[in-house]
Amino acid sequence: MKNWSNIRGALADYVDNNWLRESTLKRRLREETAGMPRSGMQISAHQGQQIGLLAHAVGARRAVEVGTFTGYSSLCIAEALPADGKLWCCDVSLEWTAIARRYWKEAGLDKRIELTVGPALKTLDWLLAQGLADQIDLTFIDANKDDYDAYYERCLKLVRRGGLILIDNVLWGGSVANLADKDGDTQAIRALNAKLRTDERVDLALFAVGDGMTCALKR
C-alpha cells in the first residue's frame, strides 16, 4: 500500500502555482472568512475547485448543500450549474450566511441559490416532500457531525442514479484513526466511514483534499 502524498512547503507552492484556479472574488471571500473566529470551518480553495469540477463532470443542474457557512463551497457549486440551475443551501446561522449572500449577489449567482436558515434535516425532509427524490445531481455535506448519517440517508434519497454525494471532514484531522478518541463528532464520522465501506448502494472514493472528502456515486 503506497503512502499518501505529504504536500507542504515548496511542493504546496508548486501545487498552487500549477493547479489552483481561484477568482479574485473567491479569494476575497476566503480571506475575509480567515479573519473570523470559526475560520477553520471554511473549505480550502483546492477543495472548492474540485467540487466545482465534479459538478461539471456529472452535468449538475440541481444541487443541495448541507452547511453553507460563509459561502465558498456554494459559490463553487453554483457557478458550475447552468443559468437555469438551482442550489438549495441549508444552514443555521444568519450571521455567516449574510456574508455568503453578499458574495452570491456580487458573483451574479444569487438567483440560482435558495437558502433556508434552520435545521438541515427539516429542510432535507421538505425537499423530499416537494417531490425531489431521485432528482438531485450533487449534494455536499459539511455540517453538524452528529447528524452526518441522517444527512447522508436523506441525500441518498434525493440524489439520482449516477449523482454524487460529497462528504467533508471524513478524516477529522486524523482523529478517526485514533480509537482512543471517544469524542461524539469523531465517533459519528468514524461510524459513517465504516458504514460507507460496505454500502452497496454507492460506489466510493476518498479524495485526500482539505480534511478528507468522501465521494459516493449512487448506483
C-alpha atoms as a PDB file:
ATOM      1  CA  MET A   1       0.000   0.000   0.000  1.00  0.00           C
ATOM      2  CA  LYS A   2       1.514   3.323  -1.041  1.00  0.00           C
ATOM      3  CA  ASN A   3       1.613   6.287   1.335  1.00  0.00           C
ATOM      4  CA  TRP A   4      -0.492   9.370   0.718  1.00  0.00           C
ATOM      5  CA  SER A   5       1.352  12.406  -0.582  1.00  0.00           C
ATOM      6  CA  ASN A   6       2.507  14.919   2.011  1.00  0.00           C
ATOM      7  CA  ILE A   7       2.073  18.276   0.305  1.00  0.00           C
ATOM      8  CA  ARG A   8       3.655  21.204   2.125  1.00  0.00           C
ATOM      9  CA  GLY A   9       6.340  23.831   1.774  1.00  0.00           C
ATOM     10  CA  ALA A  10       7.790  24.240  -1.715  1.00  0.00           C
ATOM     11  CA  LEU A  11       5.648  21.390  -3.035  1.00  0.00           C
ATOM     12  CA  ALA A  12       2.489  23.137  -1.796  1.00  0.00           C
ATOM     13  CA  ASP A  13       3.578  26.296  -3.607  1.00  0.00           C
ATOM     14  CA  TYR A  14       4.141  24.240  -6.746  1.00  0.00           C
ATOM     15  CA  VAL A  15       0.647  22.745  -6.491  1.00  0.00           C
ATOM     16  CA  ASP A  16      -0.903  26.191  -6.021  1.00  0.00           C
ATOM     17  CA  ASN A  17       1.013  27.601  -8.978  1.00  0.00           C
ATOM     18  CA  ASN A  18       0.154  24.747 -11.340  1.00  0.00           C
ATOM     19  CA  TRP A  19      -3.348  23.592 -10.390  1.00  0.00           C
ATOM     20  CA  LEU A  20      -5.181  26.260  -8.443  1.00  0.00           C
ATOM     21  CA  ARG A  21      -7.626  28.470 -10.340  1.00  0.00           C
ATOM     22  CA  GLU A  22      -9.276  30.875  -7.917  1.00  0.00           C
ATOM     23  CA  SER A  23     -11.162  34.005  -8.905  1.00  0.00           C
ATOM     24  CA  THR A  24     -10.417  37.302  -7.189  1.00  0.00           C
ATOM     25  CA  LEU A  25     -13.903  37.269  -5.668  1.00  0.00           C
ATOM     26  CA  LYS A  26     -13.476  33.819  -4.127  1.00  0.00           C
ATOM     27  CA  ARG A  27     -10.055  34.774  -2.834  1.00  0.00           C
ATOM     28  CA  ARG A  28     -11.559  37.836  -1.144  1.00  0.00           C
ATOM     29  CA  LEU A  29     -14.228  35.675   0.471  1.00  0.00           C
ATOM     30  CA  ARG A  30     -11.630  33.198   1.697  1.00  0.00           C
ATOM     31  CA  GLU A  31      -9.502  35.991   3.128  1.00  0.00           C
ATOM     32  CA  GLU A  32     -12.472  37.672   4.830  1.00  0.00           C
ATOM     33  CA  THR A  33     -13.526  34.365   6.378  1.00  0.00           C
ATOM     34  CA  ALA A  34      -9.975  33.686   7.559  1.00  0.00           C
ATOM     35  CA  GLY A  35     -10.342  36.587   9.996  1.00  0.00           C
ATOM     36  CA  MET A  36     -13.409  35.087  11.680  1.00  0.00           C
ATOM     37  CA  PRO A  37     -13.360  33.079  14.937  1.00  0.00           C
ATOM     38  CA  ARG A  38     -14.660  29.908  13.207  1.00  0.00           C
ATOM     39  CA  SER A  39     -12.490  30.273  10.108  1.00  0.00           C
ATOM     40  CA  GLY A  40     -11.367  26.638  10.290  1.00  0.00           C
ATOM     41  CA  MET A  41     -14.812  25.627   9.034  1.00  0.00           C
ATOM     42  CA  GLN A  42     -14.039  27.048   5.586  1.00  0.00           C
ATOM     43  CA  ILE A  43     -13.070  24.565   2.880  1.00  0.00           C
ATOM     44  CA  SER A  44      -9.795  25.016   1.024  1.00  0.00           C
ATOM     45  CA  ALA A  45      -9.568  26.649  -2.374  1.00  0.00           C
ATOM     46  CA  HIS A  46      -8.384  23.385  -3.920  1.00  0.00           C
ATOM     47  CA  GLN A  47     -11.356  21.524  -2.458  1.00  0.00           C
ATOM     48  CA  GLY A  48     -13.768  24.109  -3.805  1.00  0.00           C
ATOM     49  CA  GLN A  49     -12.223  23.788  -7.244  1.00  0.00           C
ATOM     50  CA  GLN A  50     -12.559  20.006  -7.051  1.00  0.00           C
ATOM     51  CA  ILE A  51     -16.216  20.233  -6.019  1.00  0.00           C
ATOM     52  CA  GLY A  52     -16.939  22.553  -8.935  1.00  0.00           C
ATOM     53  CA  LEU A  53     -15.217  20.208 -11.377  1.00  0.00           C
ATOM     54  CA  LEU A  54     -17.255  17.258 -10.079  1.00  0.00           C
ATOM     55  CA  ALA A  55     -20.446  19.267 -10.526  1.00  0.00           C
ATOM     56  CA  HIS A  56     -19.434  19.923 -14.133  1.00  0.00           C
ATOM     57  CA  ALA A  57     -18.488  16.269 -14.643  1.00  0.00           C
ATOM     58  CA  VAL A  58     -21.957  14.978 -13.716  1.00  0.00           C
ATOM     59  CA  GLY A  59     -23.696  17.767 -15.629  1.00  0.00           C
ATOM     60  CA  ALA A  60     -25.301  19.032 -12.445  1.00  0.00           C
ATOM     61  CA  ARG A  61     -28.438  21.156 -12.794  1.00  0.00           C
ATOM     62  CA  ARG A  62     -29.806  20.678  -9.290  1.00  0.00           C
ATOM     63  CA  ALA A  63     -27.682  20.522  -6.142  1.00  0.00           C
ATOM     64  CA  VAL A  64     -28.046  20.589  -2.371  1.00  0.00           C
ATOM     65  CA  GLU A  65     -25.561  21.868   0.189  1.00  0.00           C
ATOM     66  CA  VAL A  66     -25.828  20.914   3.861  1.00  0.00           C
ATOM     67  CA  GLY A  67     -23.799  23.514   5.763  1.00  0.00           C
ATOM     68  CA  THR A  68     -23.059  26.766   3.923  1.00  0.00           C
ATOM     69  CA  PHE A  69     -21.025  28.850   6.409  1.00  0.00           C
ATOM     70  CA  THR A  70     -19.820  31.975   4.538  1.00  0.00           C
ATOM     71  CA  GLY A  71     -20.497  30.595   1.089  1.00  0.00           C
ATOM     72  CA  TYR A  72     -17.238  29.474  -0.506  1.00  0.00           C
ATOM     73  CA  SER A  73     -18.403  25.967  -1.449  1.00  0.00           C
ATOM     74  CA  SER A  74     -21.801  27.239  -2.599  1.00  0.00           C
ATOM     75  CA  LEU A  75     -20.076  29.689  -4.966  1.00  0.00           C
ATOM     76  CA  CYS A  76     -18.078  26.807  -6.435  1.00  0.00           C
ATOM     77  CA  ILE A  77     -21.186  24.696  -6.933  1.00  0.00           C
ATOM     78  CA  ALA A  78     -23.491  27.448  -8.193  1.00  0.00           C
ATOM     79  CA  GLU A  79     -21.063  28.707 -10.822  1.00  0.00           C
ATOM     80  CA  ALA A  80     -20.834  25.134 -12.194  1.00  0.00           C
ATOM     81  CA  LEU A  81     -24.605  24.978 -12.739  1.00  0.00           C
ATOM     82  CA  PRO A  82     -26.312  26.191 -15.920  1.00  0.00           C
ATOM     83  CA  ALA A  83     -28.123  29.527 -15.877  1.00  0.00           C
ATOM     84  CA  ASP A  84     -31.410  27.804 -15.014  1.00  0.00           C
ATOM     85  CA  GLY A  85     -29.795  25.544 -12.400  1.00  0.00           C
ATOM     86  CA  LYS A  86     -30.721  25.518  -8.714  1.00  0.00           C
ATOM     87  CA  LEU A  87     -28.746  25.075  -5.498  1.00  0.00           C
ATOM     88  CA  TRP A  88     -30.598  24.584  -2.237  1.00  0.00           C
ATOM     89  CA  CYS A  89     -28.468  25.604   0.770  1.00  0.00           C
ATOM     90  CA  CYS A  90     -29.076  24.654   4.408  1.00  0.00           C
ATOM     91  CA  ASP A  91     -27.511  26.454   7.361  1.00  0.00           C
ATOM     92  CA  VAL A  92     -28.435  27.554  10.884  1.00  0.00           C
ATOM     93  CA  SER A  93     -26.625  30.911  11.000  1.00  0.00           C
ATOM     94  CA  LEU A  94     -27.999  34.213   9.764  1.00  0.00           C
ATOM     95  CA  GLU A  95     -24.657  35.867  10.555  1.00  0.00           C
ATOM     96  CA  TRP A  96     -22.496  33.522   8.471  1.00  0.00           C
ATOM     97  CA  THR A  97     -24.915  33.272   5.569  1.00  0.00           C
ATOM     98  CA  ALA A  98     -25.268  37.062   5.387  1.00  0.00           C
ATOM     99  CA  ILE A  99     -21.666  37.055   4.188  1.00  0.00           C
ATOM    100  CA  ALA A 100     -22.496  34.278   1.722  1.00  0.00           C
ATOM    101  CA  ARG A 101     -25.460  36.235   0.334  1.00  0.00           C
ATOM    102  CA  ARG A 102     -23.252  39.264  -0.245  1.00  0.00           C
ATOM    103  CA  TYR A 103     -20.783  37.273  -2.330  1.00  0.00           C
ATOM    104  CA  TRP A 104     -23.501  35.344  -4.186  1.00  0.00           C
ATOM    105  CA  LYS A 105     -25.005  38.655  -5.278  1.00  0.00           C
ATOM    106  CA  GLU A 106     -21.651  40.097  -6.310  1.00  0.00           C
ATOM    107  CA  ALA A 107     -20.934  36.977  -8.363  1.00  0.00           C
ATOM    108  CA  GLY A 108     -24.342  37.225 -10.051  1.00  0.00           C
ATOM    109  CA  LEU A 109     -25.300  33.777  -8.748  1.00  0.00           C
ATOM    110  CA  ASP A 110     -27.888  34.692  -6.112  1.00  0.00           C
ATOM    111  CA  LYS A 111     -30.797  33.796  -8.409  1.00  0.00           C
ATOM    112  CA  ARG A 112     -29.546  30.205  -8.626  1.00  0.00           C
ATOM    113  CA  ILE A 113     -29.357  29.750  -4.849  1.00  0.00           C
ATOM    114  CA  GLU A 114     -32.179  29.193  -2.367  1.00  0.00           C
ATOM    115  CA  LEU A 115     -31.067  29.403   1.258  1.00  0.00           C
ATOM    116  CA  THR A 116     -33.079  28.032   4.161  1.00  0.00           C
ATOM    117  CA  VAL A 117     -31.895  29.026   7.635  1.00  0.00           C
ATOM    118  CA  GLY A 118     -32.900  26.320  10.094  1.00  0.00           C
ATOM    119  CA  PRO A 119     -32.207  22.680  10.970  1.00  0.00           C
ATOM    120  CA  ALA A 120     -30.928  20.956   7.835  1.00  0.00           C
ATOM    121  CA  LEU A 121     -32.820  17.727   8.476  1.00  0.00           C
ATOM    122  CA  LYS A 122     -36.109  19.628   8.300  1.00  0.00           C
ATOM    123  CA  THR A 123     -35.039  21.291   5.064  1.00  0.00           C
ATOM    124  CA  LEU A 124     -33.990  17.973   3.521  1.00  0.00           C
ATOM    125  CA  ASP A 125     -37.308  16.407   4.556  1.00  0.00           C
ATOM    126  CA  TRP A 126     -39.097  19.372   2.978  1.00  0.00           C
ATOM    127  CA  LEU A 127     -37.216  18.878  -0.288  1.00  0.00           C
ATOM    128  CA  LEU A 128     -38.226  15.221  -0.297  1.00  0.00           C
ATOM    129  CA  ALA A 129     -41.837  16.230   0.358  1.00  0.00           C
ATOM    130  CA  GLN A 130     -41.654  18.548  -2.679  1.00  0.00           C
ATOM    131  CA  GLY A 131     -41.064  15.513  -4.911  1.00  0.00           C
ATOM    132  CA  LEU A 132     -37.313  15.937  -5.365  1.00  0.00           C
ATOM    133  CA  ALA A 133     -36.407  12.340  -4.558  1.00  0.00           C
ATOM    134  CA  ASP A 134     -34.079  10.989  -7.279  1.00  0.00           C
ATOM    135  CA  GLN A 135     -33.934  14.473  -8.845  1.00  0.00           C
ATOM    136  CA  ILE A 136     -30.735  15.974  -7.402  1.00  0.00           C
ATOM    137  CA  ASP A 137     -27.420  15.678  -9.254  1.00  0.00           C
ATOM    138  CA  LEU A 138     -24.978  16.549  -6.466  1.00  0.00           C
ATOM    139  CA  THR A 139     -25.023  17.085  -2.705  1.00  0.00           C
ATOM    140  CA  PHE A 140     -22.297  18.409  -0.415  1.00  0.00           C
ATOM    141  CA  ILE A 141     -22.447  17.604   3.303  1.00  0.00           C
ATOM    142  CA  ASP A 142     -20.414  19.783   5.674  1.00  0.00           C
ATOM    143  CA  ALA A 143     -22.428  20.496   8.809  1.00  0.00           C
ATOM    144  CA  ASN A 144     -23.148  19.089  12.280  1.00  0.00           C
ATOM    145  CA  LYS A 145     -21.158  15.848  12.522  1.00  0.00           C
ATOM    146  CA  ASP A 146     -23.588  14.124  14.897  1.00  0.00           C
ATOM    147  CA  ASP A 147     -26.172  14.173  12.114  1.00  0.00           C
ATOM    148  CA  TYR A 148     -23.864  13.027   9.314  1.00  0.00           C
ATOM    149  CA  ASP A 149     -25.559   9.643   8.937  1.00  0.00           C
ATOM    150  CA  ALA A 150     -29.017  11.226   8.834  1.00  0.00           C
ATOM    151  CA  TYR A 151     -27.854  13.776   6.260  1.00  0.00           C
ATOM    152  CA  TYR A 152     -26.355  11.007   4.153  1.00  0.00           C
ATOM    153  CA  GLU A 153     -29.512   8.904   4.174  1.00  0.00           C
ATOM    154  CA  ARG A 154     -31.677  11.814   3.119  1.00  0.00           C
ATOM    155  CA  CYS A 155     -29.225  12.910   0.436  1.00  0.00           C
ATOM    156  CA  LEU A 156     -29.143   9.361  -0.889  1.00  0.00           C
ATOM    157  CA  LYS A 157     -32.902   9.599  -1.388  1.00  0.00           C
ATOM    158  CA  LEU A 158     -32.611  12.969  -3.078  1.00  0.00           C
ATOM    159  CA  VAL A 159     -29.759  12.110  -5.447  1.00  0.00           C
ATOM    160  CA  ARG A 160     -30.462  10.479  -8.793  1.00  0.00           C
ATOM    161  CA  ARG A 161     -28.739   7.354 -10.014  1.00  0.00           C
ATOM    162  CA  GLY A 162     -25.286   8.450 -11.155  1.00  0.00           C
ATOM    163  CA  GLY A 163     -25.416  11.511  -8.915  1.00  0.00           C
ATOM    164  CA  LEU A 164     -22.812  12.358  -6.274  1.00  0.00           C
ATOM    165  CA  ILE A 165     -22.836  12.736  -2.515  1.00  0.00           C
ATOM    166  CA  LEU A 166     -19.755  14.591  -1.257  1.00  0.00           C
ATOM    167  CA  ILE A 167     -18.990  14.460   2.476  1.00  0.00           C
ATOM    168  CA  ASP A 168     -16.402  16.752   4.072  1.00  0.00           C
ATOM    169  CA  ASN A 169     -14.142  16.256   7.130  1.00  0.00           C
ATOM    170  CA  VAL A 170     -14.129  12.463   6.913  1.00  0.00           C
ATOM    171  CA  LEU A 171     -10.532  12.293   8.227  1.00  0.00           C
ATOM    172  CA  TRP A 172     -11.292  14.779  11.026  1.00  0.00           C
ATOM    173  CA  GLY A 173      -7.719  15.861  11.478  1.00  0.00           C
ATOM    174  CA  GLY A 174      -6.610  12.247  11.864  1.00  0.00           C
ATOM    175  CA  SER A 175      -8.810  11.650  14.922  1.00  0.00           C
ATOM    176  CA  VAL A 176     -10.821   8.925  13.187  1.00  0.00           C
ATOM    177  CA  ALA A 177      -7.750   6.683  13.247  1.00  0.00           C
ATOM    178  CA  ASN A 178      -7.213   7.212  16.981  1.00  0.00           C
ATOM    179  CA  LEU A 179      -9.536   4.657  18.586  1.00  0.00           C
ATOM    180  CA  ALA A 180      -8.895   6.212  21.993  1.00  0.00           C
ATOM    181  CA  ASP A 181     -10.711   9.338  20.801  1.00  0.00           C
ATOM    182  CA  LYS A 182     -14.307   8.944  22.000  1.00  0.00           C
ATOM    183  CA  ASP A 183     -15.472  12.447  21.108  1.00  0.00           C
ATOM    184  CA  GLY A 184     -19.013  12.440  19.767  1.00  0.00           C
ATOM    185  CA  ASP A 185     -18.138  14.081  16.451  1.00  0.00           C
ATOM    186  CA  THR A 186     -15.223  11.725  15.916  1.00  0.00           C
ATOM    187  CA  GLN A 187     -17.349   8.670  16.602  1.00  0.00           C
ATOM    188  CA  ALA A 188     -20.121   9.882  14.291  1.00  0.00           C
ATOM    189  CA  ILE A 189     -17.695  10.387  11.396  1.00  0.00           C
ATOM    190  CA  ARG A 190     -15.949   7.089  12.121  1.00  0.00           C
ATOM    191  CA  ALA A 191     -19.295   5.249  12.130  1.00  0.00           C
ATOM    192  CA  LEU A 192     -20.355   6.739   8.798  1.00  0.00           C
ATOM    193  CA  ASN A 193     -16.976   5.931   7.246  1.00  0.00           C
ATOM    194  CA  ALA A 194     -17.362   2.301   8.330  1.00  0.00           C
ATOM    195  CA  LYS A 195     -20.936   2.174   7.047  1.00  0.00           C
ATOM    196  CA  LEU A 196     -19.983   3.558   3.648  1.00  0.00           C
ATOM    197  CA  ARG A 197     -17.206   0.997   3.299  1.00  0.00           C
ATOM    198  CA  THR A 198     -19.809  -1.745   2.775  1.00  0.00           C
ATOM    199  CA  ASP A 199     -22.766   0.288   1.452  1.00  0.00           C
ATOM    200  CA  GLU A 200     -23.660  -1.397  -1.823  1.00  0.00           C
ATOM    201  CA  ARG A 201     -25.963   1.467  -2.802  1.00  0.00           C
ATOM    202  CA  VAL A 202     -22.954   3.574  -3.820  1.00  0.00           C
ATOM    203  CA  ASP A 203     -19.540   3.447  -5.446  1.00  0.00           C
ATOM    204  CA  LEU A 204     -16.952   5.024  -3.205  1.00  0.00           C
ATOM    205  CA  ALA A 205     -13.713   7.021  -3.249  1.00  0.00           C
ATOM    206  CA  LEU A 206     -11.765   9.224  -0.856  1.00  0.00           C
ATOM    207  CA  PHE A 207     -10.257  12.479  -2.036  1.00  0.00           C
ATOM    208  CA  ALA A 208      -7.316  13.486   0.164  1.00  0.00           C
ATOM    209  CA  VAL A 209      -8.071  17.190  -0.106  1.00  0.00           C
ATOM    210  CA  GLY A 210      -8.668  19.510   2.835  1.00  0.00           C
ATOM    211  CA  ASP A 211      -9.727  17.384   5.809  1.00  0.00           C
ATOM    212  CA  GLY A 212     -10.639  14.437   3.583  1.00  0.00           C
ATOM    213  CA  MET A 213     -13.695  14.307   1.315  1.00  0.00           C
ATOM    214  CA  THR A 214     -15.739  11.206   0.551  1.00  0.00           C
ATOM    215  CA  CYS A 215     -17.226  10.919  -2.917  1.00  0.00           C
ATOM    216  CA  ALA A 216     -20.131   8.482  -3.158  1.00  0.00           C
ATOM    217  CA  LEU A 217     -21.751   7.840  -6.549  1.00  0.00           C
ATOM    218  CA  LYS A 218     -25.297   6.480  -6.316  1.00  0.00           C
ATOM    219  CA  ARG A 219     -25.724   3.207  -8.181  1.00  0.00           C
END
